[in-house]
Amino acid sequence: MLPKDKIDRINALAKKSKTVGLTDAEKVEQQALRQEYLEAFRRDFRKTLDSIEIVDMKH
């Protein structure tokens, strides 16, 4: 997962976006952080799925 400071920044930008709006530079930063978050989430989720072992209880 992403470091807490990056997640905090994503949340701060989201809140600012809903209240006063973002500058063009902040919009670019927000998009980059969101992309980084999604990549980390997918990577961690894939690791979790890869570690699952299916056991057939019928035999």
C-alpha atoms as a PDB file:
ATOM      1  CA  MET A   1       0.000   0.000   0.000  1.00  0.00           C
ATOM      2  CA  LEU A   2       1.028   3.614  -0.329  1.00  0.00           C
ATOM      3  CA  PRO A   3       2.709   5.485   2.517  1.00  0.00           C
ATOM      4  CA  LYS A   4       0.336   7.329   4.833  1.00  0.00           C
ATOM      5  CA  ASP A   5       1.573  10.740   3.700  1.00  0.00           C
ATOM      6  CA  LYS A   6       0.547  10.033   0.091  1.00  0.00           C
ATOM      7  CA  ILE A   7      -2.872   8.751   1.142  1.00  0.00           C
ATOM      8  CA  ASP A   8      -3.313  11.852   3.292  1.00  0.00           C
ATOM      9  CA  ARG A   9      -2.404  14.011   0.288  1.00  0.00           C
ATOM     10  CA  ILE A  10      -4.956  12.190  -1.910  1.00  0.00           C
ATOM     11  CA  ASN A  11      -7.613  12.850   0.723  1.00  0.00           C
ATOM     12  CA  ALA A  12      -6.595  16.499   1.114  1.00  0.00           C
ATOM     13  CA  LEU A  13      -6.796  17.072  -2.632  1.00  0.00           C
ATOM     14  CA  ALA A  14     -10.188  15.338  -2.805  1.00  0.00           C
ATOM     15  CA  LYS A  15     -11.533  17.559  -0.020  1.00  0.00           C
ATOM     16  CA  LYS A  16     -10.119  20.702  -1.626  1.00  0.00           C
ATOM     17  CA  SER A  17     -11.583  19.653  -4.973  1.00  0.00           C
ATOM     18  CA  LYS A  18     -15.056  19.504  -3.405  1.00  0.00           C
ATOM     19  CA  THR A  19     -14.741  22.844  -1.633  1.00  0.00           C
ATOM     20  CA  VAL A  20     -12.655  25.469  -3.424  1.00  0.00           C
ATOM     21  CA  GLY A  21     -11.434  23.566  -6.472  1.00  0.00           C
ATOM     22  CA  LEU A  22      -7.977  22.561  -7.626  1.00  0.00           C
ATOM     23  CA  THR A  23      -5.356  24.335  -9.674  1.00  0.00           C
ATOM     24  CA  ASP A  24      -4.205  22.663 -12.882  1.00  0.00           C
ATOM     25  CA  ALA A  25      -1.004  21.521 -11.135  1.00  0.00           C
ATOM     26  CA  GLU A  26      -3.012  20.019  -8.272  1.00  0.00           C
ATOM     27  CA  LYS A  27      -5.270  18.200 -10.737  1.00  0.00           C
ATOM     28  CA  VAL A  28      -2.207  16.626 -12.365  1.00  0.00           C
ATOM     29  CA  GLU A  29      -0.807  15.700  -8.935  1.00  0.00           C
ATOM     30  CA  GLN A  30      -4.154  14.215  -7.877  1.00  0.00           C
ATOM     31  CA  GLN A  31      -4.371  12.088 -11.019  1.00  0.00           C
ATOM     32  CA  ALA A  32      -0.803  10.826 -10.579  1.00  0.00           C
ATOM     33  CA  LEU A  33      -1.427   9.950  -6.920  1.00  0.00           C
ATOM     34  CA  ARG A  34      -4.669   8.177  -7.767  1.00  0.00           C
ATOM     35  CA  GLN A  35      -2.906   6.163 -10.475  1.00  0.00           C
ATOM     36  CA  GLU A  36      -0.125   5.226  -8.059  1.00  0.00           C
ATOM     37  CA  TYR A  37      -2.723   4.198  -5.459  1.00  0.00           C
ATOM     38  CA  LEU A  38      -4.591   2.000  -7.955  1.00  0.00           C
ATOM     39  CA  GLU A  39      -1.384   0.314  -9.102  1.00  0.00           C
ATOM     40  CA  ALA A  40      -0.399  -0.437  -5.491  1.00  0.00           C
ATOM     41  CA  PHE A  41      -3.891  -1.724  -4.710  1.00  0.00           C
ATOM     42  CA  ARG A  42      -3.922  -4.012  -7.743  1.00  0.00           C
ATOM     43  CA  ARG A  43      -0.431  -5.305  -6.965  1.00  0.00           C
ATOM     44  CA  ASP A  44      -1.345  -6.076  -3.342  1.00  0.00           C
ATOM     45  CA  PHE A  45      -4.663  -7.631  -4.339  1.00  0.00           C
ATOM     46  CA  ARG A  46      -2.923  -9.828  -6.913  1.00  0.00           C
ATOM     47  CA  LYS A  47      -0.466 -11.018  -4.232  1.00  0.00           C
ATOM     48  CA  THR A  48      -3.403 -11.913  -2.006  1.00  0.00           C
ATOM     49  CA  LEU A  49      -5.131 -13.814  -4.787  1.00  0.00           C
ATOM     50  CA  ASP A  50      -1.934 -15.618  -5.738  1.00  0.00           C
ATOM     51  CA  SER A  51      -1.465 -16.797  -2.161  1.00  0.00           C
ATOM     52  CA  ILE A  52      -4.928 -18.396  -1.954  1.00  0.00           C
ATOM     53  CA  GLU A  53      -4.858 -22.169  -2.100  1.00  0.00           C
ATOM     54  CA  ILE A  54      -8.061 -23.919  -3.115  1.00  0.00           C
ATOM     55  CA  VAL A  55      -8.674 -27.214  -1.352  1.00  0.00           C
ATOM     56  CA  ASP A  56     -11.240 -29.634  -2.731  1.00  0.00           C
ATOM     57  CA  MET A  57     -13.104 -31.009   0.285  1.00  0.00           C
ATOM     58  CA  LYS A  58     -15.049 -33.600  -1.785  1.00  0.00           C
ATOM     59  CA  HIS A  59     -12.173 -36.117  -1.838  1.00  0.00           C
END
